[in-house]
């Protein structure tokens, strides 16, 4: 397998793992939040909370929305970085291929010119030989 395909596969795999880790973190965070909300609603918390925290824990829907929004934001950030890296790699690969093509075109042009020069020398040699002019050889 070529380097670029392996590297692309590695990039896709890495970002896929990052998304999986973020989703697992989100699921665990949501579980913990729900557990703490249940403890709060039953007055089973082990310590006293500030009033702002009590207000947040009292609104289950708002708290769930904040946790979900945080997850969505993290996923968008991961996908944005993946897009940035993929675009950078594509530009780098294109520039590399274009550079190789330009070098090969220049090398080929030089070789073709060299061949034409050699053919001209051979043509002149043959023409001189056919004319019986061996002094130019």
C-alpha atoms as a PDB file:
ATOM      1  CA  UNK A   1       0.000   0.000   0.000  1.00  0.00           C
ATOM      2  CA  UNK A   2       1.351   3.447  -0.823  1.00  0.00           C
ATOM      3  CA  UNK A   3       2.364   5.962   1.820  1.00  0.00           C
ATOM      4  CA  UNK A   4      -0.442   8.447   1.093  1.00  0.00           C
ATOM      5  CA  UNK A   5      -3.172   5.798   1.347  1.00  0.00           C
ATOM      6  CA  UNK A   6      -1.693   4.430   4.581  1.00  0.00           C
ATOM      7  CA  UNK A   7      -1.381   7.939   6.007  1.00  0.00           C
ATOM      8  CA  UNK A   8      -4.946   8.797   5.005  1.00  0.00           C
ATOM      9  CA  UNK A   9      -6.135   5.568   6.615  1.00  0.00           C
ATOM     10  CA  UNK A  10      -4.212   6.453   9.776  1.00  0.00           C
ATOM     11  CA  UNK A  11      -5.731   9.945   9.835  1.00  0.00           C
ATOM     12  CA  UNK A  12      -9.249   8.595   9.369  1.00  0.00           C
ATOM     13  CA  UNK A  13      -8.670   5.962  12.033  1.00  0.00           C
ATOM     14  CA  UNK A  14      -7.279   8.520  14.504  1.00  0.00           C
ATOM     15  CA  UNK A  15     -10.165  10.919  14.111  1.00  0.00           C
ATOM     16  CA  UNK A  16     -12.662   8.082  14.263  1.00  0.00           C
ATOM     17  CA  UNK A  17     -11.129   7.061  17.595  1.00  0.00           C
ATOM     18  CA  UNK A  18     -11.283  10.674  18.793  1.00  0.00           C
ATOM     19  CA  UNK A  19     -14.991  10.826  17.953  1.00  0.00           C
ATOM     20  CA  UNK A  20     -15.555   7.514  19.754  1.00  0.00           C
ATOM     21  CA  UNK A  21     -13.686   8.788  22.821  1.00  0.00           C
ATOM     22  CA  UNK A  22     -15.681  12.025  22.831  1.00  0.00           C
ATOM     23  CA  UNK A  23     -18.932  10.075  22.551  1.00  0.00           C
ATOM     24  CA  UNK A  24     -17.899   7.778  25.404  1.00  0.00           C
ATOM     25  CA  UNK A  25     -16.964  10.828  27.497  1.00  0.00           C
ATOM     26  CA  UNK A  26     -20.306  12.448  26.679  1.00  0.00           C
ATOM     27  CA  UNK A  27     -22.226   9.314  27.637  1.00  0.00           C
ATOM     28  CA  UNK A  28     -20.334   9.052  30.932  1.00  0.00           C
ATOM     29  CA  UNK A  29     -20.792  12.773  31.619  1.00  0.00           C
ATOM     30  CA  UNK A  30     -24.519  12.508  30.945  1.00  0.00           C
ATOM     31  CA  UNK A  31     -24.752   9.521  33.299  1.00  0.00           C
ATOM     32  CA  UNK A  32     -22.930  11.381  36.069  1.00  0.00           C
ATOM     33  CA  UNK A  33     -25.079  14.478  35.561  1.00  0.00           C
ATOM     34  CA  UNK A  34     -28.261  12.414  35.753  1.00  0.00           C
ATOM     35  CA  UNK A  35     -27.017  10.659  38.897  1.00  0.00           C
ATOM     36  CA  UNK A  36     -26.172  13.967  40.555  1.00  0.00           C
ATOM     37  CA  UNK A  37     -29.533  15.413  39.535  1.00  0.00           C
ATOM     38  CA  UNK A  38     -31.291  12.409  41.075  1.00  0.00           C
ATOM     39  CA  UNK A  39     -29.300  12.837  44.306  1.00  0.00           C
ATOM     40  CA  UNK A  40     -30.108  16.543  44.307  1.00  0.00           C
ATOM     41  CA  UNK A  41     -33.820  15.957  43.816  1.00  0.00           C
ATOM     42  CA  UNK A  42     -33.820  13.484  46.736  1.00  0.00           C
ATOM     43  CA  UNK A  43     -31.634  15.782  48.901  1.00  0.00           C
ATOM     44  CA  UNK A  44     -28.967  13.077  49.082  1.00  0.00           C
ATOM     45  CA  UNK A  45     -25.976  15.238  48.126  1.00  0.00           C
ATOM     46  CA  UNK A  46     -22.970  14.824  50.398  1.00  0.00           C
ATOM     47  CA  UNK A  47     -22.113  18.516  50.529  1.00  0.00           C
ATOM     48  CA  UNK A  48     -23.827  21.880  50.300  1.00  0.00           C
ATOM     49  CA  UNK A  49     -24.001  23.466  46.867  1.00  0.00           C
ATOM     50  CA  UNK A  50     -23.996  27.144  45.919  1.00  0.00           C
ATOM     51  CA  UNK A  51     -27.357  28.574  44.888  1.00  0.00           C
ATOM     52  CA  UNK A  52     -26.263  28.883  41.230  1.00  0.00           C
ATOM     53  CA  UNK A  53     -25.461  25.173  41.144  1.00  0.00           C
ATOM     54  CA  UNK A  54     -28.806  24.312  42.737  1.00  0.00           C
ATOM     55  CA  UNK A  55     -30.580  26.364  40.073  1.00  0.00           C
ATOM     56  CA  UNK A  56     -28.696  24.508  37.327  1.00  0.00           C
ATOM     57  CA  UNK A  57     -29.419  21.070  38.818  1.00  0.00           C
ATOM     58  CA  UNK A  58     -33.094  21.947  39.219  1.00  0.00           C
ATOM     59  CA  UNK A  59     -33.563  22.367  35.444  1.00  0.00           C
ATOM     60  CA  UNK A  60     -32.992  18.912  33.965  1.00  0.00           C
ATOM     61  CA  UNK A  61     -33.790  19.926  30.399  1.00  0.00           C
ATOM     62  CA  UNK A  62     -31.434  22.921  30.405  1.00  0.00           C
ATOM     63  CA  UNK A  63     -28.605  20.898  31.934  1.00  0.00           C
ATOM     64  CA  UNK A  64     -29.083  18.068  29.453  1.00  0.00           C
ATOM     65  CA  UNK A  65     -29.116  20.595  26.602  1.00  0.00           C
ATOM     66  CA  UNK A  66     -25.846  22.138  27.837  1.00  0.00           C
ATOM     67  CA  UNK A  67     -24.139  18.727  28.050  1.00  0.00           C
ATOM     68  CA  UNK A  68     -25.427  17.788  24.570  1.00  0.00           C
ATOM     69  CA  UNK A  69     -24.384  21.155  23.146  1.00  0.00           C
ATOM     70  CA  UNK A  70     -20.912  20.674  24.604  1.00  0.00           C
ATOM     71  CA  UNK A  71     -20.705  17.247  22.966  1.00  0.00           C
ATOM     72  CA  UNK A  72     -21.881  18.617  19.619  1.00  0.00           C
ATOM     73  CA  UNK A  73     -19.331  21.423  19.862  1.00  0.00           C
ATOM     74  CA  UNK A  74     -16.505  18.986  20.577  1.00  0.00           C
ATOM     75  CA  UNK A  75     -17.523  16.731  17.683  1.00  0.00           C
ATOM     76  CA  UNK A  76     -17.659  19.752  15.355  1.00  0.00           C
ATOM     77  CA  UNK A  77     -14.205  20.817  16.541  1.00  0.00           C
ATOM     78  CA  UNK A  78     -12.795  17.321  15.920  1.00  0.00           C
ATOM     79  CA  UNK A  79     -14.365  17.195  12.453  1.00  0.00           C
ATOM     80  CA  UNK A  80     -13.079  20.682  11.660  1.00  0.00           C
ATOM     81  CA  UNK A  81      -9.522  19.676  12.564  1.00  0.00           C
ATOM     82  CA  UNK A  82      -9.895  16.493  10.528  1.00  0.00           C
ATOM     83  CA  UNK A  83     -11.011  18.560   7.522  1.00  0.00           C
ATOM     84  CA  UNK A  84      -8.092  20.967   8.008  1.00  0.00           C
ATOM     85  CA  UNK A  85      -5.570  18.134   8.157  1.00  0.00           C
ATOM     86  CA  UNK A  86      -7.137  16.298   5.216  1.00  0.00           C
ATOM     87  CA  UNK A  87      -7.103  19.477   3.090  1.00  0.00           C
ATOM     88  CA  UNK A  88      -3.493  20.191   4.081  1.00  0.00           C
ATOM     89  CA  UNK A  89      -2.477  16.642   3.163  1.00  0.00           C
ATOM     90  CA  UNK A  90      -4.307  16.882  -0.166  1.00  0.00           C
ATOM     91  CA  UNK A  91      -2.566  20.190  -0.998  1.00  0.00           C
ATOM     92  CA  UNK A  92       0.801  18.777   0.064  1.00  0.00           C
ATOM     93  CA  UNK A  93       0.269  15.654  -2.028  1.00  0.00           C
ATOM     94  CA  UNK A  94      -0.827  17.711  -5.038  1.00  0.00           C
ATOM     95  CA  UNK A  95       2.212  19.998  -4.728  1.00  0.00           C
ATOM     96  CA  UNK A  96       4.509  16.996  -4.390  1.00  0.00           C
ATOM     97  CA  UNK A  97       3.020  15.276  -7.435  1.00  0.00           C
ATOM     98  CA  UNK A  98       3.146  18.507  -9.449  1.00  0.00           C
ATOM     99  CA  UNK A  99       6.795  18.980  -8.457  1.00  0.00           C
ATOM    100  CA  UNK A 100       7.651  15.437  -9.494  1.00  0.00           C
ATOM    101  CA  UNK A 101       5.800  15.915 -12.791  1.00  0.00           C
ATOM    102  CA  UNK A 102       7.637  19.177 -13.472  1.00  0.00           C
ATOM    103  CA  UNK A 103      10.998  17.552 -12.734  1.00  0.00           C
ATOM    104  CA  UNK A 104      10.175  14.580 -14.935  1.00  0.00           C
ATOM    105  CA  UNK A 105       8.988  16.851 -17.764  1.00  0.00           C
ATOM    106  CA  UNK A 106      12.218  18.874 -17.564  1.00  0.00           C
ATOM    107  CA  UNK A 107      14.322  15.697 -17.466  1.00  0.00           C
ATOM    108  CA  UNK A 108      12.398  14.203 -20.389  1.00  0.00           C
ATOM    109  CA  UNK A 109      12.741  17.417 -22.421  1.00  0.00           C
ATOM    110  CA  UNK A 110      16.470  17.456 -21.766  1.00  0.00           C
ATOM    111  CA  UNK A 111      16.785  13.805 -22.811  1.00  0.00           C
ATOM    112  CA  UNK A 112      14.732  14.389 -25.992  1.00  0.00           C
ATOM    113  CA  UNK A 113      16.945  17.360 -26.896  1.00  0.00           C
ATOM    114  CA  UNK A 114      20.011  15.210 -26.244  1.00  0.00           C
ATOM    115  CA  UNK A 115      18.622  12.482 -28.519  1.00  0.00           C
ATOM    116  CA  UNK A 116      17.853  15.000 -31.282  1.00  0.00           C
ATOM    117  CA  UNK A 117      21.403  16.352 -31.038  1.00  0.00           C
ATOM    118  CA  UNK A 118      22.802  12.832 -31.269  1.00  0.00           C
ATOM    119  CA  UNK A 119      20.557  12.052 -34.270  1.00  0.00           C
ATOM    120  CA  UNK A 120      21.762  15.257 -35.991  1.00  0.00           C
ATOM    121  CA  UNK A 121      25.398  14.265 -35.420  1.00  0.00           C
ATOM    122  CA  UNK A 122      24.689  10.779 -36.840  1.00  0.00           C
ATOM    123  CA  UNK A 123      22.831  12.280 -39.811  1.00  0.00           C
ATOM    124  CA  UNK A 124      25.763  14.599 -40.585  1.00  0.00           C
ATOM    125  CA  UNK A 125      28.206  11.712 -40.243  1.00  0.00           C
ATOM    126  CA  UNK A 126      26.171   9.519 -42.604  1.00  0.00           C
ATOM    127  CA  UNK A 127      25.737  12.370 -45.075  1.00  0.00           C
ATOM    128  CA  UNK A 128      29.458  13.087 -45.024  1.00  0.00           C
ATOM    129  CA  UNK A 129      30.222   9.396 -45.520  1.00  0.00           C
ATOM    130  CA  UNK A 130      27.812   9.165 -48.439  1.00  0.00           C
ATOM    131  CA  UNK A 131      29.398  12.213 -50.082  1.00  0.00           C
ATOM    132  CA  UNK A 132      32.800  10.658 -49.695  1.00  0.00           C
ATOM    133  CA  UNK A 133      33.959  13.473 -47.497  1.00  0.00           C
ATOM    134  CA  UNK A 134      35.833  11.517 -44.858  1.00  0.00           C
ATOM    135  CA  UNK A 135      37.732  14.536 -43.588  1.00  0.00           C
ATOM    136  CA  UNK A 136      34.738  15.726 -41.544  1.00  0.00           C
ATOM    137  CA  UNK A 137      34.525  12.429 -39.688  1.00  0.00           C
END
